[in-house]
C-alpha atoms as a PDB file:
ATOM      1  CA  UNK A   1      36.436 -18.302   5.692  1.00  0.00           C
ATOM      2  CA  UNK A   2      35.911 -19.882   9.096  1.00  0.00           C
ATOM      3  CA  UNK A   3      32.132 -19.671   8.606  1.00  0.00           C
ATOM      4  CA  UNK A   4      32.398 -21.397   5.229  1.00  0.00           C
ATOM      5  CA  UNK A   5      34.560 -24.158   6.672  1.00  0.00           C
ATOM      6  CA  UNK A   6      32.228 -24.600   9.643  1.00  0.00           C
ATOM      7  CA  UNK A   7      29.200 -24.733   7.366  1.00  0.00           C
ATOM      8  CA  UNK A   8      30.912 -27.232   5.075  1.00  0.00           C
ATOM      9  CA  UNK A   9      31.902 -29.397   8.047  1.00  0.00           C
ATOM     10  CA  UNK A  10      28.340 -29.234   9.411  1.00  0.00           C
ATOM     11  CA  UNK A  11      26.865 -30.260   6.045  1.00  0.00           C
ATOM     12  CA  UNK A  12      29.376 -33.108   5.792  1.00  0.00           C
ATOM     13  CA  UNK A  13      28.368 -34.370   9.270  1.00  0.00           C
ATOM     14  CA  UNK A  14      24.655 -34.171   8.446  1.00  0.00           C
ATOM     15  CA  UNK A  15      25.175 -36.122   5.204  1.00  0.00           C
ATOM     16  CA  UNK A  16      27.290 -38.785   6.894  1.00  0.00           C
ATOM     17  CA  UNK A  17      24.877 -39.098   9.841  1.00  0.00           C
ATOM     18  CA  UNK A  18      21.821 -39.170   7.560  1.00  0.00           C
ATOM     19  CA  UNK A  19      23.174 -41.856   5.226  1.00  0.00           C
ATOM     20  CA  UNK A  20      24.450 -43.860   8.170  1.00  0.00           C
ATOM     21  CA  UNK A  21      20.959 -43.896   9.767  1.00  0.00           C
ATOM     22  CA  UNK A  22      19.339 -44.985   6.522  1.00  0.00           C
ATOM     23  CA  UNK A  23      21.864 -47.782   6.239  1.00  0.00           C
ATOM     24  CA  UNK A  24      21.235 -48.864   9.825  1.00  0.00           C
ATOM     25  CA  UNK A  25      17.458 -48.865   9.351  1.00  0.00           C
ATOM     26  CA  UNK A  26      17.760 -50.669   6.027  1.00  0.00           C
ATOM     27  CA  UNK A  27      19.730 -53.431   7.730  1.00  0.00           C
ATOM     28  CA  UNK A  28      17.044 -53.913  10.376  1.00  0.00           C
ATOM     29  CA  UNK A  29      14.755 -56.711   9.284  1.00  0.00           C
ATOM     30  CA  UNK A  30      11.695 -57.484  11.322  1.00  0.00           C
ATOM     31  CA  UNK A  31      11.288 -61.160  11.920  1.00  0.00           C
ATOM     32  CA  UNK A  32       7.883 -62.618  11.268  1.00  0.00           C
ATOM     33  CA  UNK A  33       6.213 -64.260  14.251  1.00  0.00           C
ATOM     34  CA  UNK A  34       5.787 -68.043  14.046  1.00  0.00           C
ATOM     35  CA  UNK A  35       2.617 -69.428  12.464  1.00  0.00           C
ATOM     36  CA  UNK A  36       1.478 -70.610  15.910  1.00  0.00           C
ATOM     37  CA  UNK A  37       1.055 -66.949  16.962  1.00  0.00           C
ATOM     38  CA  UNK A  38      -1.268 -66.326  13.997  1.00  0.00           C
ATOM     39  CA  UNK A  39      -3.188 -69.534  14.734  1.00  0.00           C
ATOM     40  CA  UNK A  40      -3.639 -68.409  18.352  1.00  0.00           C
ATOM     41  CA  UNK A  41      -4.867 -65.014  17.171  1.00  0.00           C
ATOM     42  CA  UNK A  42      -7.289 -66.674  14.725  1.00  0.00           C
ATOM     43  CA  UNK A  43      -8.669 -69.027  17.399  1.00  0.00           C
ATOM     44  CA  UNK A  44      -9.134 -66.105  19.811  1.00  0.00           C
ATOM     45  CA  UNK A  45     -10.945 -64.073  17.136  1.00  0.00           C
ATOM     46  CA  UNK A  46     -13.111 -67.080  16.210  1.00  0.00           C
ATOM     47  CA  UNK A  47     -14.097 -67.673  19.845  1.00  0.00           C
ATOM     48  CA  UNK A  48     -14.995 -63.983  20.298  1.00  0.00           C
ATOM     49  CA  UNK A  49     -16.937 -64.033  17.018  1.00  0.00           C
ATOM     50  CA  UNK A  50     -18.884 -67.186  17.967  1.00  0.00           C
ATOM     51  CA  UNK A  51     -19.772 -65.615  21.327  1.00  0.00           C
ATOM     52  CA  UNK A  52     -20.919 -62.442  19.540  1.00  0.00           C
ATOM     53  CA  UNK A  53     -23.133 -64.520  17.205  1.00  0.00           C
ATOM     54  CA  UNK A  54     -24.595 -66.473  20.138  1.00  0.00           C
ATOM     55  CA  UNK A  55     -25.230 -63.262  22.070  1.00  0.00           C
ATOM     56  CA  UNK A  56     -27.073 -61.814  19.060  1.00  0.00           C
ATOM     57  CA  UNK A  57     -29.290 -64.909  18.757  1.00  0.00           C
ATOM     58  CA  UNK A  58     -30.006 -65.073  22.504  1.00  0.00           C
ATOM     59  CA  UNK A  59     -30.948 -61.386  22.478  1.00  0.00           C
ATOM     60  CA  UNK A  60     -33.165 -61.850  19.399  1.00  0.00           C
ATOM     61  CA  UNK A  61     -35.236 -64.593  21.057  1.00  0.00           C
ATOM     62  CA  UNK A  62     -34.858 -63.341  24.655  1.00  0.00           C
ATOM     63  CA  UNK A  63     -33.501 -66.718  25.795  1.00  0.00           C
ATOM     64  CA  UNK A  64     -32.221 -67.742  29.194  1.00  0.00           C
ATOM     65  CA  UNK A  65     -29.759 -70.621  28.754  1.00  0.00           C
ATOM     66  CA  UNK A  66     -28.932 -71.138  32.418  1.00  0.00           C
ATOM     67  CA  UNK A  67     -29.504 -74.785  33.269  1.00  0.00           C
ATOM     68  CA  UNK A  68     -28.717 -75.784  29.690  1.00  0.00           C
ATOM     69  CA  UNK A  69     -25.662 -77.776  28.686  1.00  0.00           C
ATOM     70  CA  UNK A  70     -23.962 -77.061  25.369  1.00  0.00           C
ATOM     71  CA  UNK A  71     -23.104 -79.917  23.020  1.00  0.00           C
ATOM     72  CA  UNK A  72     -20.812 -79.823  19.999  1.00  0.00           C
ATOM     73  CA  UNK A  73     -21.110 -81.978  16.921  1.00  0.00           C
ATOM     74  CA  UNK A  74     -17.953 -83.846  17.969  1.00  0.00           C
ATOM     75  CA  UNK A  75     -19.430 -84.375  21.446  1.00  0.00           C
ATOM     76  CA  UNK A  76     -22.321 -86.272  19.880  1.00  0.00           C
ATOM     77  CA  UNK A  77     -20.074 -88.760  18.085  1.00  0.00           C
ATOM     78  CA  UNK A  78     -20.314 -92.307  19.361  1.00  0.00           C
ATOM     79  CA  UNK A  79     -17.320 -93.796  21.103  1.00  0.00           C
ATOM     80  CA  UNK A  80     -15.859 -97.228  20.627  1.00  0.00           C
ATOM     81  CA  UNK A  81     -18.008 -99.694  22.521  1.00  0.00           C
ATOM     82  CA  UNK A  82     -21.179 -97.567  22.439  1.00  0.00           C
ATOM     83  CA  UNK A  83     -24.287 -99.541  21.561  1.00  0.00           C
ATOM     84  CA  UNK A  84     -26.318 -97.877  18.791  1.00  0.00           C
ATOM     85  CA  UNK A  85     -29.587 -98.693  20.545  1.00  0.00           C
ATOM     86  CA  UNK A  86     -28.381 -97.095  23.788  1.00  0.00           C
ATOM     87  CA  UNK A  87     -27.262 -93.871  22.076  1.00  0.00           C
ATOM     88  CA  UNK A  88     -30.222 -93.104  19.822  1.00  0.00           C
ATOM     89  CA  UNK A  89     -30.526 -89.757  21.644  1.00  0.00           C
ATOM     90  CA  UNK A  90     -27.114 -88.684  20.344  1.00  0.00           C
ATOM     91  CA  UNK A  91     -27.772 -90.045  16.875  1.00  0.00           C
ATOM     92  CA  UNK A  92     -31.081 -88.154  16.619  1.00  0.00           C
ATOM     93  CA  UNK A  93     -29.248 -84.837  17.192  1.00  0.00           C
ATOM     94  CA  UNK A  94     -26.360 -85.224  14.722  1.00  0.00           C
ATOM     95  CA  UNK A  95     -28.361 -84.250  11.625  1.00  0.00           C
ATOM     96  CA  UNK A  96     -28.912 -80.750  13.055  1.00  0.00           C
ATOM     97  CA  UNK A  97     -25.299 -79.798  12.347  1.00  0.00           C
ATOM     98  CA  UNK A  98     -25.606 -80.305   8.574  1.00  0.00           C
ATOM     99  CA  UNK A  99     -25.360 -77.129   6.503  1.00  0.00           C
ATOM    100  CA  UNK A 100     -23.648 -73.766   6.631  1.00  0.00           C
ATOM    101  CA  UNK A 101     -23.898 -70.912   9.065  1.00  0.00           C
ATOM    102  CA  UNK A 102     -22.185 -67.707  10.109  1.00  0.00           C
ATOM    103  CA  UNK A 103     -20.250 -68.740  13.178  1.00  0.00           C
ATOM    104  CA  UNK A 104     -20.791 -72.067  14.891  1.00  0.00           C
ATOM    105  CA  UNK A 105     -24.102 -73.880  15.160  1.00  0.00           C
ATOM    106  CA  UNK A 106     -24.927 -74.259  18.859  1.00  0.00           C
ATOM    107  CA  UNK A 107     -26.935 -76.980  20.609  1.00  0.00           C
ATOM    108  CA  UNK A 108     -28.198 -76.461  24.166  1.00  0.00           C
ATOM    109  CA  UNK A 109     -30.070 -79.165  26.089  1.00  0.00           C
ATOM    110  CA  UNK A 110     -31.762 -78.525  29.415  1.00  0.00           C
ATOM    111  CA  UNK A 111     -30.223 -80.970  31.918  1.00  0.00           C
ATOM    112  CA  UNK A 112     -28.040 -82.433  29.144  1.00  0.00           C
ATOM    113  CA  UNK A 113     -28.945 -85.599  27.279  1.00  0.00           C
ATOM    114  CA  UNK A 114     -31.075 -86.679  30.242  1.00  0.00           C
ATOM    115  CA  UNK A 115     -33.377 -83.674  29.822  1.00  0.00           C
ATOM    116  CA  UNK A 116     -36.418 -83.296  27.586  1.00  0.00           C
ATOM    117  CA  UNK A 117     -36.064 -79.779  26.144  1.00  0.00           C
ATOM    118  CA  UNK A 118     -33.456 -78.030  24.039  1.00  0.00           C
ATOM    119  CA  UNK A 119     -32.571 -75.359  21.515  1.00  0.00           C
ATOM    120  CA  UNK A 120     -30.513 -75.492  18.354  1.00  0.00           C
ATOM    121  CA  UNK A 121     -29.281 -72.017  17.459  1.00  0.00           C
ATOM    122  CA  UNK A 122     -27.481 -70.653  14.416  1.00  0.00           C
ATOM    123  CA  UNK A 123     -27.131 -67.644  12.141  1.00  0.00           C
ATOM    124  CA  UNK A 124     -27.906 -68.348   8.502  1.00  0.00           C
ATOM    125  CA  UNK A 125     -25.454 -67.201   5.856  1.00  0.00           C
ATOM    126  CA  UNK A 126     -27.853 -64.348   4.968  1.00  0.00           C
ATOM    127  CA  UNK A 127     -27.587 -63.112   8.597  1.00  0.00           C
ATOM    128  CA  UNK A 128     -30.990 -64.291   9.844  1.00  0.00           C
ATOM    129  CA  UNK A 129     -31.129 -65.866  13.304  1.00  0.00           C
ATOM    130  CA  UNK A 130     -32.681 -69.337  13.564  1.00  0.00           C
ATOM    131  CA  UNK A 131     -33.924 -71.232  16.598  1.00  0.00           C
ATOM    132  CA  UNK A 132     -35.127 -74.831  16.540  1.00  0.00           C
ATOM    133  CA  UNK A 133     -36.994 -75.938  19.640  1.00  0.00           C
ATOM    134  CA  UNK A 134     -36.323 -79.566  20.513  1.00  0.00           C
ATOM    135  CA  UNK A 135     -38.189 -82.037  22.689  1.00  0.00           C
ATOM    136  CA  UNK A 136     -37.224 -85.563  23.602  1.00  0.00           C
ATOM    137  CA  UNK A 137     -39.793 -88.185  22.733  1.00  0.00           C
ATOM    138  CA  UNK A 138     -38.807 -91.572  24.042  1.00  0.00           C
ATOM    139  CA  UNK A 139     -35.105 -91.866  23.303  1.00  0.00           C
ATOM    140  CA  UNK A 140     -35.015 -89.522  20.296  1.00  0.00           C
ATOM    141  CA  UNK A 141     -34.875 -85.746  20.017  1.00  0.00           C
ATOM    142  CA  UNK A 142     -37.456 -84.168  17.702  1.00  0.00           C
ATOM    143  CA  UNK A 143     -37.589 -80.653  16.237  1.00  0.00           C
ATOM    144  CA  UNK A 144     -40.927 -79.215  17.392  1.00  0.00           C
ATOM    145  CA  UNK A 145     -40.693 -75.759  15.848  1.00  0.00           C
ATOM    146  CA  UNK A 146     -38.403 -73.609  13.731  1.00  0.00           C
ATOM    147  CA  UNK A 147     -38.421 -69.830  13.922  1.00  0.00           C
ATOM    148  CA  UNK A 148     -36.347 -67.373  11.936  1.00  0.00           C
ATOM    149  CA  UNK A 149     -35.928 -63.628  12.449  1.00  0.00           C
ATOM    150  CA  UNK A 150     -34.201 -61.089  10.276  1.00  0.00           C
ATOM    151  CA  UNK A 151     -30.964 -59.981  11.895  1.00  0.00           C
ATOM    152  CA  UNK A 152     -27.719 -58.216  11.184  1.00  0.00           C
ATOM    153  CA  UNK A 153     -25.083 -60.114   9.223  1.00  0.00           C
ATOM    154  CA  UNK A 154     -21.854 -60.325  11.240  1.00  0.00           C
ATOM    155  CA  UNK A 155     -18.365 -60.716   9.812  1.00  0.00           C
ATOM    156  CA  UNK A 156     -15.282 -62.345  11.290  1.00  0.00           C
ATOM    157  CA  UNK A 157     -12.268 -60.056  11.570  1.00  0.00           C
ATOM    158  CA  UNK A 158      -9.747 -61.301   8.974  1.00  0.00           C
ATOM    159  CA  UNK A 159      -6.230 -62.436   9.886  1.00  0.00           C
ATOM    160  CA  UNK A 160      -3.245 -61.429   7.754  1.00  0.00           C
ATOM    161  CA  UNK A 161      -1.580 -64.828   7.402  1.00  0.00           C
ATOM    162  CA  UNK A 162       1.296 -63.295   5.381  1.00  0.00           C
ATOM    163  CA  UNK A 163       2.632 -61.584   8.497  1.00  0.00           C
ATOM    164  CA  UNK A 164       3.609 -64.961   9.965  1.00  0.00           C
ATOM    165  CA  UNK A 165       6.483 -67.246   9.093  1.00  0.00           C
ATOM    166  CA  UNK A 166       5.834 -70.648   7.586  1.00  0.00           C
ATOM    167  CA  UNK A 167       7.061 -72.534  10.683  1.00  0.00           C
END
């Protein structure tokens, strides 16, 4: 009789403890991180991805970009007070950024805008690597040659935006 009572008491404790744990875990709700955390993660992934694309292109063409300054499309925009005639070098480069690519399109000019040689690098949407060699003639930059080589198509690691709160 004592064994039956002990066994019954043990089963009762296990049932109570088990249902109590389930209830406790059911009440735990994980809070979603703020949207800013997901944006930070996306920007970090994008930066790593763009560097991976650039590294692939540099390796494909065996380039040495030391001594070259990188320019972004926004960096080529004219500022208030700029004279169009004085900034024809910037204007002559803006058209390069038209179109689509995997990762960012990258412009490198030897010795900056004051130099005479540059490269415009990007990965086409089919994965091919493209290099445009630029030379400065007078005050305008001119594309002297375009080369394209078959390369591996890279993909950006996706972000699960649903894991973040709307704030």
